[in-house]
N, C-alpha and C. Protein backbone atom coordinates (compact mmCIF):
# COMPACT_ATOMS: atom_id res chain seq x y z
N MET A 1 -17.49 26.64 -71.87
CA MET A 1 -17.98 26.69 -70.80
C MET A 1 -17.66 25.73 -69.89
N ARG A 2 -18.11 24.64 -70.54
CA ARG A 2 -17.44 22.98 -70.03
C ARG A 2 -16.29 22.87 -70.65
N ASN A 3 -15.87 23.37 -72.03
CA ASN A 3 -14.72 22.62 -72.10
C ASN A 3 -13.53 23.07 -70.76
N ARG A 4 -14.03 24.24 -70.55
CA ARG A 4 -12.79 24.82 -69.72
C ARG A 4 -13.31 23.97 -68.44
N VAL A 5 -14.34 23.75 -67.88
CA VAL A 5 -14.20 22.76 -66.59
C VAL A 5 -14.13 21.63 -66.93
N PHE A 6 -13.87 21.05 -68.14
CA PHE A 6 -13.41 19.21 -68.38
C PHE A 6 -11.53 19.61 -68.87
N VAL A 7 -11.12 20.66 -69.04
CA VAL A 7 -9.43 21.43 -69.22
C VAL A 7 -9.35 21.34 -67.74
N LEU A 8 -10.05 22.24 -66.89
CA LEU A 8 -9.18 22.04 -65.82
C LEU A 8 -9.16 20.89 -64.95
N ALA A 9 -10.45 19.93 -65.02
CA ALA A 9 -10.44 19.28 -64.57
C ALA A 9 -9.18 18.09 -64.35
N SER A 10 -9.46 17.75 -66.09
CA SER A 10 -7.97 17.36 -66.55
C SER A 10 -6.70 17.43 -66.05
N ILE A 11 -6.82 19.22 -66.27
CA ILE A 11 -4.92 19.30 -65.42
C ILE A 11 -4.82 19.07 -63.88
N VAL A 12 -5.91 19.39 -62.89
CA VAL A 12 -5.93 19.12 -61.88
C VAL A 12 -5.72 17.23 -61.59
N SER A 13 -6.61 16.36 -62.40
CA SER A 13 -6.06 15.22 -62.10
C SER A 13 -5.12 14.56 -62.33
N LEU A 14 -4.13 15.17 -63.73
CA LEU A 14 -3.36 14.70 -64.14
C LEU A 14 -2.34 15.44 -63.37
N SER A 15 -2.12 16.56 -62.55
CA SER A 15 -1.43 17.31 -61.23
C SER A 15 -1.28 16.32 -60.58
N LEU A 16 -2.64 15.33 -59.45
CA LEU A 16 -2.73 14.76 -58.82
C LEU A 16 -1.75 13.72 -58.87
N PHE A 17 -2.32 13.08 -60.03
CA PHE A 17 -1.27 11.96 -60.60
C PHE A 17 0.14 12.26 -60.64
N GLY A 18 0.11 12.73 -61.03
CA GLY A 18 1.90 13.32 -61.47
C GLY A 18 2.54 13.27 -59.76
N MET A 19 2.24 14.03 -58.44
CA MET A 19 2.91 13.88 -57.38
C MET A 19 2.14 12.50 -56.63
N THR A 20 1.63 12.16 -57.34
CA THR A 20 1.42 10.06 -55.95
C THR A 20 2.26 9.93 -56.39
N ALA A 21 3.00 9.73 -58.38
CA ALA A 21 3.76 8.62 -59.16
C ALA A 21 5.10 9.33 -58.64
N CYS A 22 5.38 10.94 -58.75
CA CYS A 22 6.61 11.39 -58.23
C CYS A 22 6.94 11.23 -56.33
N SER A 23 6.48 10.56 -55.32
CA SER A 23 6.17 10.56 -53.78
C SER A 23 7.06 9.72 -53.65
N GLY A 24 7.19 8.02 -54.38
CA GLY A 24 7.48 7.18 -54.67
C GLY A 24 7.04 6.17 -53.32
N ASP A 25 7.70 5.25 -52.74
CA ASP A 25 6.86 3.88 -52.38
C ASP A 25 7.49 4.49 -50.62
N ASP A 26 7.01 3.86 -50.07
CA ASP A 26 7.87 4.67 -48.33
C ASP A 26 8.09 3.32 -48.03
N SER A 27 7.78 2.07 -48.57
CA SER A 27 7.99 0.64 -48.33
C SER A 27 9.37 0.42 -48.75
N GLU A 28 10.17 1.45 -49.38
CA GLU A 28 10.85 0.78 -49.49
C GLU A 28 12.24 1.15 -49.05
N ALA A 29 13.16 0.14 -48.14
CA ALA A 29 13.90 0.30 -47.45
C ALA A 29 14.48 1.80 -47.33
N GLY A 30 14.54 1.84 -46.24
CA GLY A 30 15.22 2.70 -45.74
C GLY A 30 14.15 3.99 -45.74
N LYS A 31 13.55 4.54 -46.57
CA LYS A 31 12.25 4.93 -46.52
C LYS A 31 10.73 5.15 -46.04
N SER A 32 11.12 4.73 -45.25
CA SER A 32 10.12 4.87 -44.37
C SER A 32 9.24 6.43 -43.42
N GLY A 33 9.53 7.28 -43.69
CA GLY A 33 9.78 8.60 -43.51
C GLY A 33 10.21 8.79 -41.99
N ALA A 34 10.57 7.70 -41.28
CA ALA A 34 10.56 8.32 -39.50
C ALA A 34 12.19 7.87 -40.11
N PRO A 35 12.81 8.48 -39.49
CA PRO A 35 15.18 9.23 -39.47
C PRO A 35 15.17 7.36 -38.83
N GLU A 36 15.82 7.07 -39.65
CA GLU A 36 16.47 6.00 -38.72
C GLU A 36 16.76 6.43 -37.60
N PRO A 37 17.29 5.46 -36.76
CA PRO A 37 17.17 5.19 -35.83
C PRO A 37 19.10 5.02 -35.72
N GLN A 38 20.39 5.77 -34.51
CA GLN A 38 21.35 6.03 -34.71
C GLN A 38 21.90 5.00 -33.65
N ALA A 39 22.84 4.43 -33.83
CA ALA A 39 23.40 4.22 -32.49
C ALA A 39 24.25 5.04 -31.44
N VAL A 40 24.15 5.12 -30.38
CA VAL A 40 24.39 5.88 -29.31
C VAL A 40 25.99 6.09 -29.21
N THR A 41 26.29 6.79 -28.45
CA THR A 41 28.18 6.51 -28.69
C THR A 41 28.23 7.36 -26.72
N VAL A 42 28.68 6.59 -25.77
CA VAL A 42 29.31 6.64 -24.93
C VAL A 42 30.64 7.70 -24.58
N LYS A 43 30.78 7.99 -23.65
CA LYS A 43 32.42 8.33 -23.50
C LYS A 43 32.52 8.73 -22.04
N THR A 44 33.37 9.64 -21.49
CA THR A 44 33.86 9.86 -20.11
C THR A 44 33.75 11.83 -20.26
N ALA A 45 33.09 11.63 -18.80
CA ALA A 45 33.52 13.79 -18.46
C ALA A 45 33.61 13.26 -16.92
N GLU A 46 33.90 14.93 -16.78
CA GLU A 46 34.92 14.99 -15.63
C GLU A 46 33.33 15.21 -14.49
N SER A 47 33.25 15.21 -13.50
CA SER A 47 32.03 15.26 -11.93
C SER A 47 32.96 15.77 -11.03
N GLU A 48 31.99 15.82 -10.53
CA GLU A 48 32.29 16.29 -8.76
C GLU A 48 33.02 14.39 -8.74
N LEU A 49 32.36 13.76 -9.11
CA LEU A 49 32.79 11.98 -8.91
C LEU A 49 34.16 11.56 -9.32
N GLY A 50 35.04 12.78 -10.35
CA GLY A 50 35.46 11.95 -11.09
C GLY A 50 34.96 12.05 -12.12
N LYS A 51 35.89 11.26 -13.24
CA LYS A 51 35.49 10.45 -14.09
C LYS A 51 34.11 9.72 -14.40
N ILE A 52 33.60 9.88 -15.36
CA ILE A 52 32.13 9.19 -15.90
C ILE A 52 31.47 8.93 -16.78
N LEU A 53 30.78 7.82 -17.06
CA LEU A 53 30.58 7.61 -18.43
C LEU A 53 28.84 8.60 -18.51
N VAL A 54 29.18 8.72 -19.75
CA VAL A 54 27.84 9.47 -19.91
C VAL A 54 27.13 9.91 -21.91
N ASP A 55 26.49 9.91 -22.10
CA ASP A 55 26.66 9.53 -23.18
C ASP A 55 27.35 10.50 -24.14
N GLN A 56 26.23 10.41 -25.33
CA GLN A 56 26.91 12.02 -26.49
C GLN A 56 26.31 13.05 -26.44
N SER A 57 25.26 12.93 -25.64
CA SER A 57 25.25 14.38 -24.88
C SER A 57 25.81 14.99 -23.52
N GLY A 58 26.44 14.02 -22.94
CA GLY A 58 27.03 14.29 -21.94
C GLY A 58 26.06 14.53 -20.49
N ARG A 59 24.91 13.37 -20.95
CA ARG A 59 24.41 12.66 -19.68
C ARG A 59 24.40 11.96 -19.16
N THR A 60 24.42 11.91 -17.88
CA THR A 60 24.67 11.14 -16.85
C THR A 60 24.63 9.46 -17.09
N LEU A 61 25.14 8.55 -17.43
CA LEU A 61 24.82 7.12 -16.85
C LEU A 61 25.06 6.26 -15.82
N TYR A 62 23.53 5.51 -15.14
CA TYR A 62 24.10 5.16 -14.04
C TYR A 62 23.86 3.59 -14.53
N GLY A 63 24.03 2.59 -12.57
CA GLY A 63 24.21 1.61 -13.23
C GLY A 63 23.49 0.99 -12.03
N PHE A 64 22.71 0.05 -11.74
CA PHE A 64 21.75 -0.31 -11.18
C PHE A 64 22.30 -1.69 -10.01
N THR A 65 22.39 -1.68 -8.72
CA THR A 65 22.60 -2.93 -8.27
C THR A 65 22.01 -3.75 -8.17
N VAL A 66 20.93 -3.71 -8.75
CA VAL A 66 20.24 -5.08 -8.88
C VAL A 66 20.44 -6.02 -9.43
N ASP A 67 21.26 -5.41 -10.83
CA ASP A 67 20.70 -5.78 -11.38
C ASP A 67 22.24 -6.86 -11.36
N LYS A 68 21.29 -8.42 -12.16
CA LYS A 68 23.21 -9.53 -11.52
C LYS A 68 23.49 -9.98 -13.34
N ASP A 69 24.24 -10.21 -13.23
CA ASP A 69 25.30 -11.18 -14.05
C ASP A 69 25.10 -10.53 -15.59
N GLY A 70 24.57 -8.52 -15.74
CA GLY A 70 24.62 -8.38 -16.63
C GLY A 70 23.28 -8.43 -17.63
N GLU A 71 22.30 -8.08 -16.46
CA GLU A 71 20.95 -8.61 -17.25
C GLU A 71 20.08 -7.61 -16.27
N SER A 72 19.11 -6.59 -16.75
CA SER A 72 18.62 -5.76 -16.56
C SER A 72 17.38 -6.19 -15.36
N ASN A 73 16.75 -5.95 -13.99
CA ASN A 73 16.25 -6.67 -13.22
C ASN A 73 15.56 -5.36 -13.19
N CYS A 74 15.55 -4.22 -14.11
CA CYS A 74 14.46 -3.25 -13.97
C CYS A 74 13.40 -2.34 -14.69
N ASP A 75 12.10 -2.93 -13.51
CA ASP A 75 10.74 -3.44 -14.70
C ASP A 75 10.17 -2.34 -15.63
N ALA A 76 8.58 -2.56 -15.41
CA ALA A 76 8.26 -1.35 -16.22
C ALA A 76 8.04 -0.54 -15.39
N ASN A 77 7.61 -0.11 -14.24
CA ASN A 77 7.46 1.31 -13.26
C ASN A 77 8.77 1.65 -13.29
N CYS A 78 10.14 0.86 -12.76
CA CYS A 78 11.09 1.62 -12.40
C CYS A 78 11.59 1.78 -13.76
N ILE A 79 11.50 1.25 -15.13
CA ILE A 79 11.96 2.01 -16.69
C ILE A 79 11.27 4.01 -16.56
N ALA A 80 10.59 3.70 -15.99
CA ALA A 80 9.29 4.75 -16.47
C ALA A 80 10.65 5.92 -15.82
N VAL A 81 11.37 5.87 -14.29
CA VAL A 81 12.03 6.76 -13.99
C VAL A 81 13.43 6.46 -14.15
N TRP A 82 13.50 5.57 -14.88
CA TRP A 82 15.42 5.01 -14.82
C TRP A 82 14.73 4.84 -16.37
N PRO A 83 15.35 5.32 -17.85
CA PRO A 83 15.05 4.69 -18.71
C PRO A 83 15.72 4.43 -19.00
N ALA A 84 16.36 2.79 -19.94
CA ALA A 84 17.50 2.57 -20.32
C ALA A 84 18.56 2.85 -21.32
N LEU A 85 19.37 3.11 -21.52
CA LEU A 85 20.19 3.48 -22.91
C LEU A 85 19.72 2.64 -23.59
N THR A 86 19.28 2.66 -24.99
CA THR A 86 19.33 1.81 -25.80
C THR A 86 19.82 1.70 -27.11
N SER A 87 20.22 1.38 -27.82
CA SER A 87 20.82 1.30 -28.85
C SER A 87 19.87 0.48 -30.24
N PRO A 88 19.82 0.62 -31.62
CA PRO A 88 19.59 -0.49 -32.54
C PRO A 88 20.84 -1.31 -32.80
N SER A 89 22.09 -0.22 -32.76
CA SER A 89 22.98 -1.42 -32.94
C SER A 89 23.87 -1.03 -32.18
N ASP A 90 25.27 -2.02 -32.12
CA ASP A 90 26.32 -2.17 -31.43
C ASP A 90 27.01 -0.96 -30.72
N ALA A 91 26.68 -0.16 -29.85
CA ALA A 91 26.75 1.43 -29.15
C ALA A 91 28.54 1.85 -29.70
N LYS A 92 28.97 3.05 -29.97
CA LYS A 92 30.23 3.55 -29.92
C LYS A 92 31.14 4.28 -28.84
N SER A 93 32.34 4.02 -28.93
CA SER A 93 32.56 4.67 -27.95
C SER A 93 34.38 5.25 -28.33
N ALA A 94 34.20 6.62 -27.44
CA ALA A 94 34.97 7.77 -28.09
C ALA A 94 35.97 6.81 -26.73
N LYS A 95 37.48 7.78 -27.37
CA LYS A 95 38.64 6.81 -27.41
C LYS A 95 39.48 6.77 -25.96
N ASP A 96 38.56 6.67 -25.10
CA ASP A 96 39.07 6.67 -23.59
C ASP A 96 37.45 5.70 -22.81
N ILE A 97 37.39 5.40 -23.51
CA ILE A 97 36.08 4.30 -22.98
C ILE A 97 36.77 2.65 -24.14
N ASP A 98 36.94 1.47 -22.66
CA ASP A 98 37.07 0.17 -23.04
C ASP A 98 36.04 -0.47 -23.97
N LYS A 99 36.53 -0.08 -25.82
CA LYS A 99 35.53 -0.58 -26.41
C LYS A 99 35.17 -2.55 -26.10
N ALA A 100 35.74 -2.76 -26.05
CA ALA A 100 36.10 -4.73 -25.22
C ALA A 100 34.46 -4.33 -23.94
N LEU A 101 34.61 -3.20 -23.02
CA LEU A 101 33.57 -3.61 -22.05
C LEU A 101 32.63 -3.38 -22.18
N LEU A 102 32.46 -2.55 -23.68
CA LEU A 102 30.45 -1.85 -24.32
C LEU A 102 29.82 -2.81 -25.37
N THR A 103 28.90 -3.03 -24.63
CA THR A 103 28.06 -5.03 -24.86
C THR A 103 26.80 -3.69 -25.34
N ARG A 104 25.65 -4.67 -25.57
CA ARG A 104 24.53 -4.70 -25.54
C ARG A 104 23.48 -5.90 -24.41
N THR A 105 22.62 -6.12 -24.27
CA THR A 105 21.61 -6.83 -23.17
C THR A 105 20.24 -7.08 -24.25
N LYS A 106 19.03 -7.65 -24.41
CA LYS A 106 17.77 -7.97 -24.47
C LYS A 106 16.82 -7.86 -23.55
N ARG A 107 16.79 -6.70 -23.29
CA ARG A 107 15.61 -6.50 -22.25
C ARG A 107 14.35 -7.17 -22.89
N THR A 108 13.06 -7.26 -21.01
CA THR A 108 12.25 -8.05 -21.85
C THR A 108 11.58 -7.70 -23.03
N GLU A 109 11.69 -6.70 -23.09
CA GLU A 109 10.40 -5.63 -24.19
C GLU A 109 10.90 -6.64 -25.47
N GLY A 110 11.98 -6.78 -25.96
CA GLY A 110 12.52 -6.85 -26.78
C GLY A 110 13.62 -6.45 -27.54
N VAL A 111 13.94 -4.63 -26.90
CA VAL A 111 14.81 -3.59 -27.62
C VAL A 111 16.00 -4.46 -26.58
N LEU A 112 17.24 -3.87 -27.30
CA LEU A 112 18.64 -3.45 -26.83
C LEU A 112 19.16 -2.69 -26.03
N GLN A 113 19.78 -2.96 -24.99
CA GLN A 113 20.16 -2.32 -23.78
C GLN A 113 21.64 -1.91 -23.92
N VAL A 114 22.34 -1.09 -23.93
CA VAL A 114 23.67 -0.69 -23.50
C VAL A 114 23.98 -1.06 -22.31
N LYS A 115 25.26 -1.94 -22.10
CA LYS A 115 25.70 -2.21 -21.19
C LYS A 115 27.44 -1.95 -20.97
N TYR A 116 28.12 -1.90 -19.91
CA TYR A 116 29.67 -1.69 -19.92
C TYR A 116 29.57 -2.58 -18.75
N LYS A 117 30.80 -3.28 -18.72
CA LYS A 117 31.63 -4.38 -18.31
C LYS A 117 30.20 -5.36 -17.71
N ASP A 118 29.47 -5.41 -16.75
CA ASP A 118 28.36 -6.06 -15.73
C ASP A 118 27.62 -5.12 -15.71
N TRP A 119 27.22 -4.07 -16.51
CA TRP A 119 25.98 -2.82 -15.64
C TRP A 119 25.56 -2.70 -16.97
N PRO A 120 24.11 -3.08 -17.48
CA PRO A 120 23.31 -2.07 -18.12
C PRO A 120 23.08 -0.57 -18.08
N LEU A 121 22.85 -0.03 -18.82
CA LEU A 121 23.30 1.35 -18.28
C LEU A 121 21.70 2.52 -18.63
N TYR A 122 21.30 3.05 -17.76
CA TYR A 122 20.13 3.81 -17.51
C TYR A 122 20.80 5.07 -17.38
N TYR A 123 19.32 6.22 -17.97
CA TYR A 123 19.51 7.77 -17.15
C TYR A 123 18.56 7.53 -16.06
N TYR A 124 18.36 8.84 -15.16
CA TYR A 124 17.45 9.03 -14.64
C TYR A 124 16.39 10.32 -14.46
N VAL A 125 15.74 10.50 -14.34
CA VAL A 125 14.47 11.36 -15.23
C VAL A 125 14.67 12.82 -14.13
N GLY A 126 15.03 12.85 -13.49
CA GLY A 126 15.58 13.51 -12.31
C GLY A 126 16.78 14.66 -13.25
N ASP A 127 17.63 13.88 -13.54
CA ASP A 127 18.52 14.55 -14.92
C ASP A 127 17.91 15.43 -15.66
N VAL A 128 17.95 16.89 -15.04
CA VAL A 128 17.58 17.93 -16.42
C VAL A 128 18.40 18.65 -18.11
N VAL A 129 19.97 18.09 -17.02
CA VAL A 129 20.82 18.70 -18.34
C VAL A 129 22.01 18.00 -18.01
N PRO A 130 22.81 18.09 -19.02
CA PRO A 130 24.22 17.07 -19.28
C PRO A 130 24.68 17.35 -18.35
N GLY A 131 25.52 16.72 -17.51
CA GLY A 131 25.83 16.52 -16.04
C GLY A 131 25.69 16.35 -15.10
N ASP A 132 24.21 16.97 -15.10
CA ASP A 132 22.78 16.76 -13.45
C ASP A 132 23.62 14.66 -13.35
N LEU A 133 23.88 14.98 -11.51
CA LEU A 133 24.39 13.55 -10.99
C LEU A 133 22.46 13.42 -10.30
N ASN A 134 21.31 14.11 -10.45
CA ASN A 134 20.70 13.91 -8.98
C ASN A 134 20.10 12.63 -8.81
N GLY A 135 20.59 11.25 -10.01
CA GLY A 135 20.20 9.48 -9.56
C GLY A 135 21.66 9.02 -8.28
N GLN A 136 22.25 9.35 -8.52
CA GLN A 136 23.53 9.43 -7.85
C GLN A 136 23.08 9.26 -6.20
N GLY A 137 23.13 8.07 -6.29
CA GLY A 137 23.32 7.14 -4.86
C GLY A 137 21.62 7.42 -4.08
N ILE A 138 20.28 7.78 -4.84
CA ILE A 138 19.33 6.70 -5.44
C ILE A 138 18.97 5.64 -4.07
N ASP A 139 17.98 5.81 -3.18
CA ASP A 139 17.70 4.28 -2.77
C ASP A 139 19.08 2.98 -2.50
N ASP A 140 19.97 3.54 -2.37
CA ASP A 140 21.40 3.15 -2.32
C ASP A 140 21.80 2.12 -2.90
N GLU A 141 20.65 2.20 -4.57
CA GLU A 141 21.18 1.56 -5.78
C GLU A 141 21.21 1.83 -6.54
N TRP A 142 21.02 2.74 -7.31
CA TRP A 142 22.12 3.68 -8.30
C TRP A 142 23.33 4.16 -7.96
N PHE A 143 24.06 4.07 -9.17
CA PHE A 143 25.40 4.88 -8.96
C PHE A 143 26.23 5.24 -10.16
N ALA A 144 26.65 6.71 -10.61
CA ALA A 144 27.89 6.76 -11.74
C ALA A 144 28.47 5.77 -11.60
N VAL A 145 28.85 5.69 -13.58
CA VAL A 145 29.48 4.16 -13.48
C VAL A 145 30.84 5.03 -13.67
N ALA A 146 32.13 4.40 -13.13
CA ALA A 146 33.29 5.11 -13.91
C ALA A 146 34.26 4.20 -14.26
N PRO A 147 34.78 4.95 -15.24
CA PRO A 147 35.52 4.11 -16.60
C PRO A 147 35.85 2.57 -16.98
N ASP A 148 36.39 2.42 -15.43
CA ASP A 148 36.48 0.99 -15.74
C ASP A 148 35.54 -0.29 -15.17
N GLY A 149 34.17 0.51 -15.48
CA GLY A 149 33.29 -0.30 -15.56
C GLY A 149 32.34 -0.75 -13.74
N SER A 150 33.29 0.08 -12.59
CA SER A 150 32.84 -0.34 -11.61
C SER A 150 31.70 0.79 -11.14
N LEU A 151 30.89 0.75 -9.94
CA LEU A 151 30.04 1.86 -10.05
C LEU A 151 30.63 2.81 -8.79
N ILE A 152 29.91 3.86 -8.96
CA ILE A 152 30.55 5.30 -7.69
C ILE A 152 30.19 5.13 -6.57
N LYS A 153 30.60 4.54 -5.70
CA LYS A 153 29.61 4.18 -5.08
C LYS A 153 30.09 5.97 -3.33
N SER A 154 30.99 6.47 -3.35
CA SER A 154 30.76 8.00 -3.13
C SER A 154 30.00 9.17 -2.94
């Protein structure tokens, strides 16, 4: 009986050692277990306002009239309602987007926010599905962005 317990304990120990050895080291580059953040794509879509900027999922992108000189003035309370479009690398542009107007700016918390022309880009939490324009004109400060980089204020 003792030999059986010893053999069984040895097999379990070796199995656990083998699984640990084969699991790899999560500290290796690119193997953190979390998916690598992907760059976003900015494109245009037809809307009731005409052509507007949207992300790769078709979600409307907004500009904030309080932003000046291409820098965000949307603080933590603002970001809770108007999340910034961020990207770990340069945003990709669809063929109908002027790539020269698509850049990024560093926010105070250190993340890189995508901007188009002079406008840091935001989502609106009240937009539920792609194509929603529920943020359009709120407080006369938030507007969808046109492909030329202007805010659509109509």
